[in-house]
Amino acid sequence: MDRKMASVAECLLFVAGEPVLITELARAMECETSVVKTLLCEMENTYRDEGRGILLHVTDETAQLISNRVYLDAVERLIQPEQKKSVSQSMLETLAIVAYRQPVTRAEIESIRGVRCEYSVMQLQKLGLIQAVGRKDVIGKPMLYATTDTFLRKFGMHTLSELPPLLIDSPEPTQEEQPI
């Protein structure tokens, strides 16, 4: 790993504080995006392996310096944050449907859940966990929703491929379907 480049990337990410587009890092560092992606992956592994207080979290599009969750209790004691509004069960169900079925319309979510979900969709958008990504090419052109980079960071994932496998309850096999 090129130490100077790693130091520059670390400085840029620290100053930004928020997730930074990898393409923007490449522009600021005056090098190819592929070089920055490789460097960030190496840095992410090094930070994790060394058990540092800060970690590098890299997604497909962004990179961000984050605090190591191992030290969460100490951080909470230091800053004593206000209690954040929790995500309701209905919002979690809606978010799960969007995550696994994206892009998906509100009507499709409501069809799966069996109840209206406009409030949940609106709140998830306010929290930045889902976003409108276009319109479905059908009558009425309903809005399509998908998860965001914030969703990935909030749930500690790098890509959607890290979602756990979807387990669907299936009925017990009938007598004819039982293996011999």
Protein backbone atom coordinates (compact mmCIF):
# COMPACT_ATOMS: atom_id res chain seq x y z
CA MET A 1 0.00 0.00 0.00
CA ASP A 2 1.27 3.45 -0.94
CA ARG A 3 1.54 5.17 2.49
CA LYS A 4 1.47 8.70 1.07
CA MET A 5 -1.68 8.03 -0.97
CA ALA A 6 -3.28 6.32 2.04
CA SER A 7 -2.46 9.36 4.19
CA VAL A 8 -3.98 11.72 1.62
CA ALA A 9 -7.15 9.59 1.40
CA GLU A 10 -7.37 9.40 5.19
CA CYS A 11 -7.01 13.18 5.49
CA LEU A 12 -9.69 13.84 2.87
CA LEU A 13 -12.13 11.41 4.52
CA PHE A 14 -11.46 12.87 7.97
CA VAL A 15 -12.03 16.44 6.79
CA ALA A 16 -15.22 15.47 4.94
CA GLY A 17 -16.74 13.67 7.93
CA GLU A 18 -19.56 12.40 5.70
CA PRO A 19 -19.44 9.67 3.05
CA VAL A 20 -17.39 10.78 0.05
CA LEU A 21 -17.97 9.54 -3.48
CA ILE A 22 -15.01 7.43 -4.58
CA THR A 23 -15.03 9.28 -7.88
CA GLU A 24 -14.61 12.56 -5.96
CA LEU A 25 -11.70 11.10 -3.97
CA ALA A 26 -10.06 10.04 -7.22
CA ARG A 27 -10.55 13.54 -8.63
CA ALA A 28 -9.09 15.19 -5.52
CA MET A 29 -6.16 12.74 -5.41
CA GLU A 30 -5.60 13.11 -9.15
CA CYS A 31 -5.60 9.40 -9.91
CA GLU A 32 -7.79 6.71 -11.45
CA THR A 33 -10.92 5.54 -9.63
CA SER A 34 -9.74 1.92 -9.81
CA VAL A 35 -6.51 2.87 -8.00
CA VAL A 36 -8.49 4.62 -5.25
CA LYS A 37 -10.87 1.65 -4.88
CA THR A 38 -7.93 -0.75 -4.46
CA LEU A 39 -6.27 1.59 -1.97
CA LEU A 40 -9.49 1.98 0.05
CA CYS A 41 -9.98 -1.79 0.24
CA GLU A 42 -6.43 -2.22 1.52
CA MET A 43 -6.93 0.58 4.04
CA GLU A 44 -10.25 -0.89 5.20
CA ASN A 45 -8.61 -4.25 5.85
CA THR A 46 -5.63 -2.69 7.63
CA TYR A 47 -7.83 -0.59 9.93
CA ARG A 48 -9.97 -3.62 10.79
CA ASP A 49 -7.02 -5.99 11.31
CA GLU A 50 -5.28 -3.51 13.61
CA GLY A 51 -8.45 -2.97 15.70
CA ARG A 52 -8.24 0.80 15.38
CA GLY A 53 -10.67 3.22 17.03
CA ILE A 54 -11.75 4.42 13.60
CA LEU A 55 -12.57 2.19 10.68
CA LEU A 56 -12.94 2.81 6.99
CA HIS A 57 -16.33 1.83 5.59
CA VAL A 58 -16.34 1.41 1.81
CA THR A 59 -19.44 0.79 -0.32
CA ASP A 60 -19.72 0.51 -4.09
CA GLU A 61 -19.92 4.30 -4.39
CA THR A 62 -18.59 5.91 -1.21
CA ALA A 63 -16.03 5.76 1.56
CA GLN A 64 -16.27 7.13 5.09
CA LEU A 65 -14.27 7.08 8.29
CA ILE A 66 -16.47 5.74 11.08
CA SER A 67 -15.99 4.98 14.75
CA ASN A 68 -15.33 1.38 15.72
CA ARG A 69 -18.50 -0.05 17.30
CA VAL A 70 -16.35 -1.94 19.80
CA TYR A 71 -15.89 1.37 21.61
CA LEU A 72 -19.53 2.48 21.43
CA ASP A 73 -20.04 2.51 25.22
CA ALA A 74 -17.12 4.88 25.73
CA VAL A 75 -18.33 7.15 22.92
CA GLU A 76 -21.83 7.27 24.43
CA ARG A 77 -20.40 8.16 27.83
CA LEU A 78 -18.44 11.00 26.23
CA ILE A 79 -21.14 12.63 24.16
CA GLN A 80 -24.34 11.40 25.87
CA PRO A 81 -26.42 11.62 22.69
CA GLU A 82 -30.11 12.42 22.63
CA GLN A 83 -32.33 9.43 22.09
CA LYS A 84 -33.11 9.00 18.42
CA LYS A 85 -36.52 8.01 17.17
CA SER A 86 -36.63 4.29 16.66
CA VAL A 87 -37.81 2.65 13.47
CA SER A 88 -41.22 1.06 13.91
CA GLN A 89 -42.04 -2.53 13.04
CA SER A 90 -44.09 -1.41 10.03
CA MET A 91 -41.19 0.72 8.80
CA LEU A 92 -38.80 -2.24 9.16
CA GLU A 93 -41.18 -4.48 7.23
CA THR A 94 -41.47 -1.87 4.48
CA LEU A 95 -37.69 -1.40 4.41
CA ALA A 96 -37.15 -5.16 4.11
CA ILE A 97 -39.53 -5.36 1.15
CA VAL A 98 -37.75 -2.48 -0.58
CA ALA A 99 -34.33 -4.02 0.13
CA TYR A 100 -35.21 -7.43 -1.31
CA ARG A 101 -37.54 -6.38 -4.16
CA GLN A 102 -36.02 -3.08 -5.34
CA PRO A 103 -36.89 -1.21 -7.36
CA VAL A 104 -40.45 -1.52 -6.08
CA THR A 105 -43.59 0.64 -6.14
CA ARG A 106 -45.63 1.58 -3.09
CA ALA A 107 -48.55 -0.47 -4.47
CA GLU A 108 -46.30 -3.54 -4.70
CA ILE A 109 -45.17 -3.01 -1.08
CA GLU A 110 -48.79 -2.64 0.02
CA SER A 111 -49.72 -5.80 -1.89
CA ILE A 112 -47.05 -7.78 -0.02
CA ARG A 113 -47.77 -6.27 3.42
CA GLY A 114 -51.55 -6.23 2.98
CA VAL A 115 -51.82 -2.72 4.45
CA ARG A 116 -51.23 0.86 3.33
CA CYS A 117 -47.63 2.01 3.72
CA GLU A 118 -47.48 5.63 2.57
CA TYR A 119 -46.45 6.82 6.07
CA SER A 120 -43.66 4.21 6.33
CA VAL A 121 -42.36 5.06 2.86
CA MET A 122 -42.39 8.77 3.68
CA GLN A 123 -40.56 8.26 6.99
CA LEU A 124 -37.96 5.94 5.44
CA GLN A 125 -37.30 8.62 2.81
CA LYS A 126 -36.92 11.27 5.54
CA LEU A 127 -34.39 9.02 7.30
CA GLY A 128 -32.54 8.63 3.99
CA LEU A 129 -32.87 4.83 4.00
CA ILE A 130 -34.84 4.67 0.73
CA GLN A 131 -35.18 6.99 -2.23
CA ALA A 132 -37.26 7.38 -5.36
CA VAL A 133 -35.23 6.04 -8.28
CA GLY A 134 -37.62 6.55 -11.17
CA ARG A 135 -41.05 5.61 -12.39
CA LYS A 136 -42.41 2.24 -13.48
CA ASP A 137 -43.40 2.10 -17.13
CA VAL A 138 -47.06 1.19 -16.55
CA ILE A 139 -50.33 3.12 -16.46
CA GLY A 140 -50.08 5.92 -13.91
CA LYS A 141 -46.27 5.75 -13.88
CA PRO A 142 -45.93 4.99 -10.13
CA MET A 143 -42.72 5.93 -8.31
CA LEU A 144 -40.09 3.21 -7.86
CA TYR A 145 -38.18 3.02 -4.56
CA ALA A 146 -34.79 1.53 -3.70
CA THR A 147 -32.45 1.54 -0.74
CA THR A 148 -29.68 4.13 -0.39
CA ASP A 149 -26.04 4.20 0.51
CA THR A 150 -27.19 5.36 3.98
CA PHE A 151 -29.10 2.09 4.28
CA LEU A 152 -25.92 0.12 3.58
CA ARG A 153 -23.94 2.10 6.16
CA LYS A 154 -26.69 1.93 8.80
CA PHE A 155 -26.84 -1.85 8.53
CA GLY A 156 -23.06 -2.34 8.19
CA MET A 157 -23.13 -3.66 4.63
CA HIS A 158 -20.90 -2.84 1.69
CA THR A 159 -23.26 -4.06 -1.04
CA LEU A 160 -26.80 -5.44 -1.29
CA SER A 161 -25.34 -8.88 -2.01
CA GLU A 162 -24.59 -9.04 1.74
CA LEU A 163 -28.31 -9.14 2.59
CA PRO A 164 -29.08 -12.42 4.36
CA PRO A 165 -30.90 -14.99 2.24
CA LEU A 166 -34.65 -14.47 2.16
CA LEU A 167 -36.35 -17.24 4.11
CA ILE A 168 -39.98 -17.76 3.20
CA ASP A 169 -42.17 -20.02 5.31
CA SER A 170 -43.33 -22.91 3.20
CA PRO A 171 -45.92 -25.50 4.13
CA GLU A 172 -44.80 -28.90 5.36
CA PRO A 173 -44.35 -31.41 2.52
CA THR A 174 -47.33 -33.64 1.88
CA GLN A 175 -47.12 -37.45 2.16
CA GLU A 176 -46.43 -37.71 -1.58
CA GLU A 177 -43.61 -35.15 -1.36
CA GLN A 178 -41.81 -36.85 1.57
CA PRO A 179 -38.43 -38.35 0.57
CA ILE A 180 -38.19 -42.13 0.78
